[in-house]
Amino acid sequence: MLGVIWAVWHLPPFCSAGKLKSGWPFGRFALSMTASSVLLTWLFNRTQGSIVPVLVLHTTVNTWLMILPTTVLPDGSNLHLSQFFQVPAVCQSV
């Protein structure tokens, strides 16, 4: 349930042209949000309700997603975030 709420919360950037997330497949993102909600909830419960480890993990994931678009592929092109969601296509081209 929490994953669905988070997915809807993050929906506006998918609907705005020119935004980073506007080209991402929303269904896969929503699935990712559901999986993330399980992991972050587990971490929150495991740390007796401490929000700090959850904030650190969330910030780490967001930072990683900002670095990923600048990853250089073997052919010299940049790996874009939309390609990350198409792992088989990226793996075949390497």
PDB file of N, CA and C in Angstrom:
ATOM      1  N   MET A   1       0.820  -1.193   0.000  1.00  0.00           N
ATOM      2  CA  MET A   1       0.000   0.000   0.000  1.00  0.00           C
ATOM      3  C   MET A   1       0.870   1.266   0.000  1.00  0.00           C
ATOM      4  N   LEU A   2       1.911   1.242   0.829  1.00  0.00           N
ATOM      5  CA  LEU A   2       2.802   2.399   0.923  1.00  0.00           C
ATOM      6  C   LEU A   2       3.519   2.643  -0.409  1.00  0.00           C
ATOM      7  N   GLY A   3       3.921   1.576  -1.093  1.00  0.00           N
ATOM      8  CA  GLY A   3       4.582   1.709  -2.390  1.00  0.00           C
ATOM      9  C   GLY A   3       3.695   2.381  -3.422  1.00  0.00           C
ATOM     10  N   VAL A   4       2.417   2.065  -3.418  1.00  0.00           N
ATOM     11  CA  VAL A   4       1.466   2.685  -4.343  1.00  0.00           C
ATOM     12  C   VAL A   4       1.333   4.179  -4.028  1.00  0.00           C
ATOM     13  N   ILE A   5       1.266   4.511  -2.744  1.00  0.00           N
ATOM     14  CA  ILE A   5       1.166   5.919  -2.329  1.00  0.00           C
ATOM     15  C   ILE A   5       2.411   6.676  -2.766  1.00  0.00           C
ATOM     16  N   TRP A   6       3.585   6.078  -2.574  1.00  0.00           N
ATOM     17  CA  TRP A   6       4.828   6.729  -2.988  1.00  0.00           C
ATOM     18  C   TRP A   6       4.881   6.911  -4.500  1.00  0.00           C
ATOM     19  N   ALA A   7       4.424   5.920  -5.240  1.00  0.00           N
ATOM     20  CA  ALA A   7       4.421   6.022  -6.701  1.00  0.00           C
ATOM     21  C   ALA A   7       3.537   7.181  -7.147  1.00  0.00           C
ATOM     22  N   VAL A   8       2.360   7.293  -6.566  1.00  0.00           N
ATOM     23  CA  VAL A   8       1.453   8.396  -6.911  1.00  0.00           C
ATOM     24  C   VAL A   8       2.075   9.734  -6.496  1.00  0.00           C
ATOM     25  N   TRP A   9       2.745   9.774  -5.354  1.00  0.00           N
ATOM     26  CA  TRP A   9       3.408  10.986  -4.871  1.00  0.00           C
ATOM     27  C   TRP A   9       4.460  11.460  -5.888  1.00  0.00           C
ATOM     28  N   HIS A  10       5.156  10.516  -6.526  1.00  0.00           N
ATOM     29  CA  HIS A  10       6.208  10.844  -7.482  1.00  0.00           C
ATOM     30  C   HIS A  10       5.694  10.953  -8.924  1.00  0.00           C
ATOM     31  N   LEU A  11       4.398  10.893  -9.138  1.00  0.00           N
ATOM     32  CA  LEU A  11       3.809  10.925 -10.480  1.00  0.00           C
ATOM     33  C   LEU A  11       3.988  12.253 -11.224  1.00  0.00           C
ATOM     34  N   PRO A  12       3.891  13.435 -10.604  1.00  0.00           N
ATOM     35  CA  PRO A  12       3.974  14.687 -11.368  1.00  0.00           C
ATOM     36  C   PRO A  12       5.183  14.828 -12.295  1.00  0.00           C
ATOM     37  N   PRO A  13       6.413  14.451 -11.892  1.00  0.00           N
ATOM     38  CA  PRO A  13       7.531  14.589 -12.845  1.00  0.00           C
ATOM     39  C   PRO A  13       7.384  13.714 -14.095  1.00  0.00           C
ATOM     40  N   PHE A  14       6.610  12.652 -14.016  1.00  0.00           N
ATOM     41  CA  PHE A  14       6.392  11.794 -15.181  1.00  0.00           C
ATOM     42  C   PHE A  14       5.476  12.471 -16.187  1.00  0.00           C
ATOM     43  N   CYS A  15       4.655  13.377 -15.716  1.00  0.00           N
ATOM     44  CA  CYS A  15       3.670  14.054 -16.570  1.00  0.00           C
ATOM     45  C   CYS A  15       4.173  15.385 -17.099  1.00  0.00           C
ATOM     46  N   SER A  16       5.341  15.829 -16.663  1.00  0.00           N
ATOM     47  CA  SER A  16       5.876  17.126 -17.070  1.00  0.00           C
ATOM     48  C   SER A  16       6.923  16.933 -18.160  1.00  0.00           C
ATOM     49  N   ALA A  17       6.680  17.498 -19.331  1.00  0.00           N
ATOM     50  CA  ALA A  17       7.629  17.391 -20.431  1.00  0.00           C
ATOM     51  C   ALA A  17       8.939  18.078 -20.063  1.00  0.00           C
ATOM     52  N   GLY A  18      10.026  17.476 -20.457  1.00  0.00           N
ATOM     53  CA  GLY A  18      11.332  18.075 -20.203  1.00  0.00           C
ATOM     54  C   GLY A  18      11.936  17.735 -18.855  1.00  0.00           C
ATOM     55  N   LYS A  19      11.206  17.075 -17.999  1.00  0.00           N
ATOM     56  CA  LYS A  19      11.738  16.669 -16.694  1.00  0.00           C
ATOM     57  C   LYS A  19      12.504  15.363 -16.868  1.00  0.00           C
ATOM     58  N   LEU A  20      13.438  15.093 -15.953  1.00  0.00           N
ATOM     59  CA  LEU A  20      14.261  13.896 -16.026  1.00  0.00           C
ATOM     60  C   LEU A  20      13.421  12.630 -16.114  1.00  0.00           C
ATOM     61  N   LYS A  21      12.363  12.559 -15.328  1.00  0.00           N
ATOM     62  CA  LYS A  21      11.556  11.340 -15.271  1.00  0.00           C
ATOM     63  C   LYS A  21      10.513  11.240 -16.380  1.00  0.00           C
ATOM     64  N   SER A  22      10.373  12.256 -17.213  1.00  0.00           N
ATOM     65  CA  SER A  22       9.303  12.235 -18.213  1.00  0.00           C
ATOM     66  C   SER A  22       9.463  11.109 -19.233  1.00  0.00           C
ATOM     67  N   GLY A  23      10.664  10.600 -19.433  1.00  0.00           N
ATOM     68  CA  GLY A  23      10.874   9.513 -20.382  1.00  0.00           C
ATOM     69  C   GLY A  23      10.918   8.137 -19.749  1.00  0.00           C
ATOM     70  N   TRP A  24      10.819   8.057 -18.445  1.00  0.00           N
ATOM     71  CA  TRP A  24      10.894   6.767 -17.756  1.00  0.00           C
ATOM     72  C   TRP A  24       9.582   6.009 -17.881  1.00  0.00           C
ATOM     73  N   PRO A  25       9.634   4.685 -17.894  1.00  0.00           N
ATOM     74  CA  PRO A  25       8.397   3.895 -17.861  1.00  0.00           C
ATOM     75  C   PRO A  25       7.816   3.903 -16.438  1.00  0.00           C
ATOM     76  N   PHE A  26       6.626   4.471 -16.278  1.00  0.00           N
ATOM     77  CA  PHE A  26       6.057   4.639 -14.935  1.00  0.00           C
ATOM     78  C   PHE A  26       5.758   3.304 -14.254  1.00  0.00           C
ATOM     79  N   GLY A  27       5.332   2.306 -14.996  1.00  0.00           N
ATOM     80  CA  GLY A  27       5.011   1.011 -14.383  1.00  0.00           C
ATOM     81  C   GLY A  27       6.207   0.401 -13.669  1.00  0.00           C
ATOM     82  N   ARG A  28       7.356   0.460 -14.304  1.00  0.00           N
ATOM     83  CA  ARG A  28       8.570  -0.075 -13.673  1.00  0.00           C
ATOM     84  C   ARG A  28       8.980   0.775 -12.476  1.00  0.00           C
ATOM     85  N   PHE A  29       8.796   2.079 -12.587  1.00  0.00           N
ATOM     86  CA  PHE A  29       9.101   2.958 -11.459  1.00  0.00           C
ATOM     87  C   PHE A  29       8.184   2.643 -10.278  1.00  0.00           C
ATOM     88  N   ALA A  30       6.897   2.431 -10.547  1.00  0.00           N
ATOM     89  CA  ALA A  30       5.937   2.105  -9.482  1.00  0.00           C
ATOM     90  C   ALA A  30       6.313   0.777  -8.816  1.00  0.00           C
ATOM     91  N   LEU A  31       6.755  -0.179  -9.605  1.00  0.00           N
ATOM     92  CA  LEU A  31       7.207  -1.457  -9.042  1.00  0.00           C
ATOM     93  C   LEU A  31       8.438  -1.235  -8.169  1.00  0.00           C
ATOM     94  N   SER A  32       9.330  -0.379  -8.627  1.00  0.00           N
ATOM     95  CA  SER A  32      10.515  -0.044  -7.848  1.00  0.00           C
ATOM     96  C   SER A  32      10.136   0.635  -6.529  1.00  0.00           C
ATOM     97  N   MET A  33       9.137   1.518  -6.571  1.00  0.00           N
ATOM     98  CA  MET A  33       8.684   2.190  -5.356  1.00  0.00           C
ATOM     99  C   MET A  33       8.103   1.184  -4.362  1.00  0.00           C
ATOM    100  N   THR A  34       7.388   0.199  -4.868  1.00  0.00           N
ATOM    101  CA  THR A  34       6.817  -0.827  -3.991  1.00  0.00           C
ATOM    102  C   THR A  34       7.927  -1.627  -3.322  1.00  0.00           C
ATOM    103  N   ALA A  35       8.933  -2.027  -4.102  1.00  0.00           N
ATOM    104  CA  ALA A  35      10.058  -2.764  -3.523  1.00  0.00           C
ATOM    105  C   ALA A  35      10.828  -1.887  -2.534  1.00  0.00           C
ATOM    106  N   SER A  36      11.020  -0.623  -2.870  1.00  0.00           N
ATOM    107  CA  SER A  36      11.723   0.293  -1.975  1.00  0.00           C
ATOM    108  C   SER A  36      10.969   0.488  -0.670  1.00  0.00           C
ATOM    109  N   SER A  37       9.655   0.540  -0.750  1.00  0.00           N
ATOM    110  CA  SER A  37       8.869   0.733   0.469  1.00  0.00           C
ATOM    111  C   SER A  37       9.041  -0.449   1.421  1.00  0.00           C
ATOM    112  N   VAL A  38       9.162  -1.652   0.877  1.00  0.00           N
ATOM    113  CA  VAL A  38       9.391  -2.828   1.721  1.00  0.00           C
ATOM    114  C   VAL A  38      10.755  -2.716   2.394  1.00  0.00           C
ATOM    115  N   LEU A  39      11.774  -2.376   1.615  1.00  0.00           N
ATOM    116  CA  LEU A  39      13.128  -2.259   2.158  1.00  0.00           C
ATOM    117  C   LEU A  39      13.237  -1.140   3.190  1.00  0.00           C
ATOM    118  N   LEU A  40      12.708   0.024   2.878  1.00  0.00           N
ATOM    119  CA  LEU A  40      12.808   1.162   3.799  1.00  0.00           C
ATOM    120  C   LEU A  40      11.970   0.944   5.059  1.00  0.00           C
ATOM    121  N   THR A  41      10.825   0.308   4.920  1.00  0.00           N
ATOM    122  CA  THR A  41      10.007  -0.014   6.101  1.00  0.00           C
ATOM    123  C   THR A  41      10.721  -1.020   6.990  1.00  0.00           C
ATOM    124  N   TRP A  42      11.341  -2.035   6.358  1.00  0.00           N
ATOM    125  CA  TRP A  42      12.107  -3.021   7.128  1.00  0.00           C
ATOM    126  C   TRP A  42      13.230  -2.327   7.890  1.00  0.00           C
ATOM    127  N   LEU A  43      13.954  -1.419   7.216  1.00  0.00           N
ATOM    128  CA  LEU A  43      15.050  -0.700   7.861  1.00  0.00           C
ATOM    129  C   LEU A  43      14.543   0.163   9.010  1.00  0.00           C
ATOM    130  N   PHE A  44      13.429   0.850   8.805  1.00  0.00           N
ATOM    131  CA  PHE A  44      12.821   1.679   9.851  1.00  0.00           C
ATOM    132  C   PHE A  44      12.449   0.831  11.063  1.00  0.00           C
ATOM    133  N   ASN A  45      11.811  -0.315  10.821  1.00  0.00           N
ATOM    134  CA  ASN A  45      11.408  -1.191  11.925  1.00  0.00           C
ATOM    135  C   ASN A  45      12.617  -1.827  12.611  1.00  0.00           C
ATOM    136  N   ARG A  46      13.621  -2.204  11.838  1.00  0.00           N
ATOM    137  CA  ARG A  46      14.807  -2.872  12.374  1.00  0.00           C
ATOM    138  C   ARG A  46      15.646  -1.940  13.246  1.00  0.00           C
ATOM    139  N   THR A  47      15.557  -0.639  12.994  1.00  0.00           N
ATOM    140  CA  THR A  47      16.325   0.331  13.776  1.00  0.00           C
ATOM    141  C   THR A  47      15.464   0.981  14.865  1.00  0.00           C
ATOM    142  N   GLN A  48      14.422   0.271  15.303  1.00  0.00           N
ATOM    143  CA  GLN A  48      13.526   0.728  16.363  1.00  0.00           C
ATOM    144  C   GLN A  48      12.931   2.103  16.059  1.00  0.00           C
ATOM    145  N   GLY A  49      12.563   2.332  14.805  1.00  0.00           N
ATOM    146  CA  GLY A  49      11.874   3.553  14.435  1.00  0.00           C
ATOM    147  C   GLY A  49      12.775   4.747  14.162  1.00  0.00           C
ATOM    148  N   SER A  50      14.061   4.503  13.956  1.00  0.00           N
ATOM    149  CA  SER A  50      14.973   5.602  13.661  1.00  0.00           C
ATOM    150  C   SER A  50      14.850   5.983  12.188  1.00  0.00           C
ATOM    151  N   ILE A  51      14.621   7.250  11.935  1.00  0.00           N
ATOM    152  CA  ILE A  51      14.449   7.741  10.571  1.00  0.00           C
ATOM    153  C   ILE A  51      15.791   8.023   9.897  1.00  0.00           C
ATOM    154  N   VAL A  52      16.868   8.193  10.669  1.00  0.00           N
ATOM    155  CA  VAL A  52      18.171   8.560  10.101  1.00  0.00           C
ATOM    156  C   VAL A  52      18.695   7.524   9.107  1.00  0.00           C
ATOM    157  N   PRO A  53      18.715   6.231   9.433  1.00  0.00           N
ATOM    158  CA  PRO A  53      19.193   5.262   8.440  1.00  0.00           C
ATOM    159  C   PRO A  53      18.321   5.239   7.171  1.00  0.00           C
ATOM    160  N   VAL A  54      17.037   5.464   7.328  1.00  0.00           N
ATOM    161  CA  VAL A  54      16.128   5.514   6.180  1.00  0.00           C
ATOM    162  C   VAL A  54      16.459   6.721   5.307  1.00  0.00           C
ATOM    163  N   LEU A  55      16.699   7.870   5.925  1.00  0.00           N
ATOM    164  CA  LEU A  55      17.077   9.068   5.177  1.00  0.00           C
ATOM    165  C   LEU A  55      18.408   8.875   4.455  1.00  0.00           C
ATOM    166  N   VAL A  56      19.361   8.240   5.109  1.00  0.00           N
ATOM    167  CA  VAL A  56      20.664   8.002   4.486  1.00  0.00           C
ATOM    168  C   VAL A  56      20.515   7.078   3.274  1.00  0.00           C
ATOM    169  N   LEU A  57      19.740   6.016   3.412  1.00  0.00           N
ATOM    170  CA  LEU A  57      19.536   5.095   2.292  1.00  0.00           C
ATOM    171  C   LEU A  57      18.807   5.790   1.140  1.00  0.00           C
ATOM    172  N   HIS A  58      17.771   6.542   1.441  1.00  0.00           N
ATOM    173  CA  HIS A  58      17.015   7.249   0.411  1.00  0.00           C
ATOM    174  C   HIS A  58      17.917   8.254  -0.318  1.00  0.00           C
ATOM    175  N   THR A  59      18.728   8.994   0.435  1.00  0.00           N
ATOM    176  CA  THR A  59      19.647   9.962  -0.160  1.00  0.00           C
ATOM    177  C   THR A  59      20.692   9.268  -1.018  1.00  0.00           C
ATOM    178  N   THR A  60      21.184   8.132  -0.562  1.00  0.00           N
ATOM    179  CA  THR A  60      22.167   7.371  -1.326  1.00  0.00           C
ATOM    180  C   THR A  60      21.577   6.913  -2.652  1.00  0.00           C
ATOM    181  N   VAL A  61      20.366   6.402  -2.628  1.00  0.00           N
ATOM    182  CA  VAL A  61      19.708   5.952  -3.859  1.00  0.00           C
ATOM    183  C   VAL A  61      19.495   7.131  -4.802  1.00  0.00           C
ATOM    184  N   ASN A  62      19.021   8.254  -4.303  1.00  0.00           N
ATOM    185  CA  ASN A  62      18.810   9.428  -5.152  1.00  0.00           C
ATOM    186  C   ASN A  62      20.122   9.937  -5.746  1.00  0.00           C
ATOM    187  N   THR A  63      21.181   9.927  -4.949  1.00  0.00           N
ATOM    188  CA  THR A  63      22.486  10.378  -5.441  1.00  0.00           C
ATOM    189  C   THR A  63      22.985   9.443  -6.528  1.00  0.00           C
ATOM    190  N   TRP A  64      22.831   8.147  -6.330  1.00  0.00           N
ATOM    191  CA  TRP A  64      23.249   7.163  -7.326  1.00  0.00           C
ATOM    192  C   TRP A  64      22.501   7.383  -8.634  1.00  0.00           C
ATOM    193  N   LEU A  65      21.218   7.689  -8.556  1.00  0.00           N
ATOM    194  CA  LEU A  65      20.441   7.922  -9.773  1.00  0.00           C
ATOM    195  C   LEU A  65      20.858   9.206 -10.478  1.00  0.00           C
ATOM    196  N   MET A  66      21.454  10.142  -9.757  1.00  0.00           N
ATOM    197  CA  MET A  66      21.953  11.359 -10.396  1.00  0.00           C
ATOM    198  C   MET A  66      23.304  11.108 -11.069  1.00  0.00           C
ATOM    199  N   ILE A  67      24.082  10.156 -10.535  1.00  0.00           N
ATOM    200  CA  ILE A  67      25.392   9.832 -11.102  1.00  0.00           C
ATOM    201  C   ILE A  67      25.245   8.919 -12.312  1.00  0.00           C
ATOM    202  N   LEU A  68      24.281   8.020 -12.284  1.00  0.00           N
ATOM    203  CA  LEU A  68      24.120   7.011 -13.328  1.00  0.00           C
ATOM    204  C   LEU A  68      24.022   7.590 -14.736  1.00  0.00           C
ATOM    205  N   PRO A  69      23.295   8.689 -14.973  1.00  0.00           N
ATOM    206  CA  PRO A  69      23.204   9.181 -16.348  1.00  0.00           C
ATOM    207  C   PRO A  69      24.535   9.620 -16.949  1.00  0.00           C
ATOM    208  N   THR A  70      25.567   9.811 -16.127  1.00  0.00           N
ATOM    209  CA  THR A  70      26.859  10.224 -16.666  1.00  0.00           C
ATOM    210  C   THR A  70      27.817   9.053 -16.822  1.00  0.00           C
ATOM    211  N   THR A  71      27.337   7.830 -16.613  1.00  0.00           N
ATOM    212  CA  THR A  71      28.178   6.658 -16.783  1.00  0.00           C
ATOM    213  C   THR A  71      28.483   6.481 -18.269  1.00  0.00           C
ATOM    214  N   VAL A  72      29.742   6.308 -18.590  1.00  0.00           N
ATOM    215  CA  VAL A  72      30.153   6.186 -19.984  1.00  0.00           C
ATOM    216  C   VAL A  72      30.172   4.715 -20.395  1.00  0.00           C
ATOM    217  N   LEU A  73      29.530   4.423 -21.532  1.00  0.00           N
ATOM    218  CA  LEU A  73      29.506   3.079 -22.094  1.00  0.00           C
ATOM    219  C   LEU A  73      30.785   2.830 -22.899  1.00  0.00           C
ATOM    220  N   PRO A  74      31.090   1.567 -23.205  1.00  0.00           N
ATOM    221  CA  PRO A  74      32.320   1.255 -23.957  1.00  0.00           C
ATOM    222  C   PRO A  74      32.442   1.971 -25.305  1.00  0.00           C
ATOM    223  N   ASP A  75      31.316   2.285 -25.943  1.00  0.00           N
ATOM    224  CA  ASP A  75      31.384   2.966 -27.239  1.00  0.00           C
ATOM    225  C   ASP A  75      31.567   4.482 -27.092  1.00  0.00           C
ATOM    226  N   GLY A  76      31.700   4.979 -25.862  1.00  0.00           N
ATOM    227  CA  GLY A  76      31.928   6.391 -25.618  1.00  0.00           C
ATOM    228  C   GLY A  76      30.666   7.189 -25.348  1.00  0.00           C
ATOM    229  N   SER A  77      29.505   6.586 -25.558  1.00  0.00           N
ATOM    230  CA  SER A  77      28.247   7.289 -25.283  1.00  0.00           C
ATOM    231  C   SER A  77      27.922   7.207 -23.795  1.00  0.00           C
ATOM    232  N   ASN A  78      27.000   8.040 -23.362  1.00  0.00           N
ATOM    233  CA  ASN A  78      26.593   8.043 -21.956  1.00  0.00           C
ATOM    234  C   ASN A  78      25.430   7.099 -21.735  1.00  0.00           C
ATOM    235  N   LEU A  79      25.420   6.432 -20.589  1.00  0.00           N
ATOM    236  CA  LEU A  79      24.305   5.587 -20.195  1.00  0.00           C
ATOM    237  C   LEU A  79      23.236   6.487 -19.614  1.00  0.00           C
ATOM    238  N   HIS A  80      22.086   6.544 -20.243  1.00  0.00           N
ATOM    239  CA  HIS A  80      20.996   7.376 -19.762  1.00  0.00           C
ATOM    240  C   HIS A  80      20.086   6.551 -18.865  1.00  0.00           C
ATOM    241  N   LEU A  81      19.410   7.203 -17.966  1.00  0.00           N
ATOM    242  CA  LEU A  81      18.581   6.516 -16.987  1.00  0.00           C
ATOM    243  C   LEU A  81      17.506   5.667 -17.644  1.00  0.00           C
ATOM    244  N   SER A  82      16.985   6.090 -18.782  1.00  0.00           N
ATOM    245  CA  SER A  82      15.964   5.292 -19.448  1.00  0.00           C
ATOM    246  C   SER A  82      16.539   3.951 -19.896  1.00  0.00           C
ATOM    247  N   GLN A  83      17.831   3.904 -20.211  1.00  0.00           N
ATOM    248  CA  GLN A  83      18.467   2.650 -20.600  1.00  0.00           C
ATOM    249  C   GLN A  83      18.624   1.724 -19.398  1.00  0.00           C
ATOM    250  N   PHE A  84      18.739   2.287 -18.218  1.00  0.00           N
ATOM    251  CA  PHE A  84      18.867   1.477 -17.015  1.00  0.00           C
ATOM    252  C   PHE A  84      17.656   0.565 -16.850  1.00  0.00           C
ATOM    253  N   PHE A  85      16.486   1.046 -17.243  1.00  0.00           N
ATOM    254  CA  PHE A  85      15.271   0.253 -17.128  1.00  0.00           C
ATOM    255  C   PHE A  85      15.149  -0.764 -18.247  1.00  0.00           C
ATOM    256  N   GLN A  86      16.070  -0.744 -19.189  1.00  0.00           N
ATOM    257  CA  GLN A  86      16.085  -1.684 -20.295  1.00  0.00           C
ATOM    258  C   GLN A  86      17.373  -2.489 -20.235  1.00  0.00           C
ATOM    259  N   VAL A  87      17.612  -3.141 -19.124  1.00  0.00           N
ATOM    260  CA  VAL A  87      18.883  -3.840 -18.862  1.00  0.00           C
ATOM    261  C   VAL A  87      19.251  -4.821 -19.979  1.00  0.00           C
ATOM    262  N   PRO A  88      18.340  -5.652 -20.479  1.00  0.00           N
ATOM    263  CA  PRO A  88      18.757  -6.586 -21.535  1.00  0.00           C
ATOM    264  C   PRO A  88      19.310  -5.867 -22.767  1.00  0.00           C
ATOM    265  N   ALA A  89      18.747  -4.757 -23.148  1.00  0.00           N
ATOM    266  CA  ALA A  89      19.219  -4.013 -24.318  1.00  0.00           C
ATOM    267  C   ALA A  89      20.611  -3.444 -24.048  1.00  0.00           C
ATOM    268  N   VAL A  90      20.849  -2.949 -22.844  1.00  0.00           N
ATOM    269  CA  VAL A  90      22.150  -2.391 -22.505  1.00  0.00           C
ATOM    270  C   VAL A  90      23.182  -3.508 -22.467  1.00  0.00           C
ATOM    271  N   CYS A  91      22.841  -4.650 -21.880  1.00  0.00           N
ATOM    272  CA  CYS A  91      23.790  -5.765 -21.770  1.00  0.00           C
ATOM    273  C   CYS A  91      24.143  -6.327 -23.144  1.00  0.00           C
ATOM    274  N   GLN A  92      23.215  -6.336 -24.071  1.00  0.00           N
ATOM    275  CA  GLN A  92      23.484  -6.864 -25.402  1.00  0.00           C
ATOM    276  C   GLN A  92      24.397  -5.935 -26.188  1.00  0.00           C
ATOM    277  N   SER A  93      24.329  -4.639 -25.921  1.00  0.00           N
ATOM    278  CA  SER A  93      25.138  -3.694 -26.675  1.00  0.00           C
ATOM    279  C   SER A  93      26.568  -3.593 -26.146  1.00  0.00           C
ATOM    280  N   VAL A  94      26.815  -4.147 -24.963  1.00  0.00           N
ATOM    281  CA  VAL A  94      28.159  -4.059 -24.361  1.00  0.00           C
ATOM    282  C   VAL A  94      29.036  -5.141 -24.899  1.00  0.00           C
TER     283      VAL A  94
END
